[in-house]
Amino acid sequence: MRKFKFVVYKITFPNGKIYVGQDHSMDGHSMRYFGSWNNLLVEADFTKAELSNFTVTKEILFESDDLARIYEMETSFIRELRSNDPLVGYNQTHRTRRV
């Protein structure tokens, strides 16, 4: 039986903004999965012409067979890279509460 490999990845968009997520595939490097960001949020940052020729990069930041560790590292990378800051990235979780 094959074990799952889990990864934390960073997607970089043409405007430089990033999205941090995790992948739970058999080898952890699924070519088909590029995240579950909010499409409307991303699309709002680009013109229709820009969206018609759109390239993103996917970088593996961390890999493990321990799912609990993956959740921990995803949170750590989101905070460290500030992908939850709307000026930096598209993550909607782990936002700093404003008073």
Protein backbone atom coordinates (compact mmCIF):
# COMPACT_ATOMS: atom_id res chain seq x y z
CA MET A 1 0.00 0.00 0.00
CA ARG A 2 1.38 3.40 -0.98
CA LYS A 3 1.58 6.09 1.64
CA PHE A 4 0.36 9.58 1.04
CA LYS A 5 2.94 12.34 0.81
CA PHE A 6 1.74 15.76 1.84
CA VAL A 7 3.25 19.05 0.75
CA VAL A 8 2.92 22.73 1.49
CA TYR A 9 3.31 24.83 -1.64
CA LYS A 10 3.42 28.45 -2.72
CA ILE A 11 1.71 29.69 -5.87
CA THR A 12 3.08 32.94 -7.32
CA PHE A 13 0.83 34.94 -9.64
CA PRO A 14 1.98 37.32 -12.42
CA ASN A 15 1.35 40.33 -10.17
CA GLY A 16 3.73 38.93 -7.53
CA LYS A 17 1.00 38.04 -5.05
CA ILE A 18 1.15 34.57 -3.52
CA TYR A 19 -1.07 31.81 -2.20
CA VAL A 20 0.10 29.13 0.27
CA GLY A 21 -1.69 25.80 0.40
CA GLN A 22 -1.29 22.08 0.85
CA ASP A 23 -1.65 19.05 -1.39
CA HIS A 24 -2.69 15.56 -0.26
CA SER A 25 -1.88 13.32 -3.20
CA MET A 26 -0.11 9.97 -3.36
CA ASP A 27 3.24 11.56 -4.09
CA GLY A 28 2.47 15.10 -2.89
CA HIS A 29 3.29 16.66 -6.24
CA SER A 30 0.01 16.64 -8.12
CA MET A 31 0.26 18.38 -11.48
CA ARG A 32 -3.51 18.84 -11.49
CA TYR A 33 -3.92 20.67 -8.20
CA PHE A 34 -2.99 24.34 -7.94
CA GLY A 35 -4.93 25.42 -4.87
CA SER A 36 -8.33 26.55 -3.73
CA TRP A 37 -7.96 30.30 -3.66
CA ASN A 38 -10.94 32.58 -4.16
CA ASN A 39 -11.21 32.92 -7.96
CA LEU A 40 -13.17 36.18 -7.81
CA LEU A 41 -10.54 37.74 -5.56
CA VAL A 42 -7.72 36.78 -7.94
CA GLU A 43 -9.63 37.72 -11.10
CA ALA A 44 -10.34 41.19 -9.70
CA ASP A 45 -6.60 41.94 -9.81
CA PHE A 46 -6.27 41.27 -13.55
CA THR A 47 -7.77 42.57 -16.77
CA LYS A 48 -9.56 40.24 -19.16
CA ALA A 49 -6.57 40.43 -21.50
CA GLU A 50 -4.17 39.52 -18.68
CA LEU A 51 -6.34 36.56 -17.73
CA SER A 52 -6.25 35.22 -21.29
CA ASN A 53 -2.48 34.57 -21.05
CA PHE A 54 -1.90 33.70 -17.43
CA THR A 55 1.10 31.89 -15.91
CA VAL A 56 1.56 30.90 -12.28
CA THR A 57 4.42 29.04 -10.60
CA LYS A 58 4.10 26.37 -7.94
CA GLU A 59 6.96 25.89 -5.49
CA ILE A 60 7.06 23.09 -2.91
CA LEU A 61 8.00 24.61 0.46
CA PHE A 62 7.73 21.56 2.74
CA GLU A 63 7.07 17.84 2.37
CA SER A 64 6.10 15.20 4.95
CA ASP A 65 4.04 12.06 5.48
CA ASP A 66 2.72 13.55 8.76
CA LEU A 67 -0.57 15.36 8.06
CA ALA A 68 -0.59 17.19 11.41
CA ARG A 69 2.85 18.60 10.60
CA ILE A 70 1.61 19.75 7.19
CA TYR A 71 -1.22 21.77 8.78
CA GLU A 72 1.28 23.28 11.22
CA MET A 73 3.74 24.20 8.47
CA GLU A 74 1.03 25.61 6.18
CA THR A 75 -0.01 27.98 8.97
CA SER A 76 3.61 28.87 9.64
CA PHE A 77 4.32 29.67 5.97
CA ILE A 78 1.10 31.69 5.57
CA ARG A 79 2.13 33.87 8.50
CA GLU A 80 5.85 34.01 7.65
CA LEU A 81 5.29 34.89 3.98
CA ARG A 82 2.31 37.15 4.86
CA SER A 83 0.15 35.57 2.16
CA ASN A 84 -2.84 36.41 4.38
CA ASP A 85 -2.12 40.14 3.90
CA PRO A 86 -4.28 41.32 0.96
CA LEU A 87 -1.37 43.44 -0.30
CA VAL A 88 0.88 40.35 -0.43
CA GLY A 89 -1.31 37.35 -1.12
CA TYR A 90 -4.65 35.63 -1.57
CA ASN A 91 -4.97 33.47 1.56
CA GLN A 92 -8.20 34.24 3.39
CA THR A 93 -7.30 32.32 6.56
CA HIS A 94 -4.99 33.23 9.44
CA ARG A 95 -5.82 36.93 9.08
CA THR A 96 -4.73 39.33 11.81
CA ARG A 97 -7.75 40.79 13.54
CA ARG A 98 -7.90 44.58 13.49
CA VAL A 99 -9.29 46.45 16.51
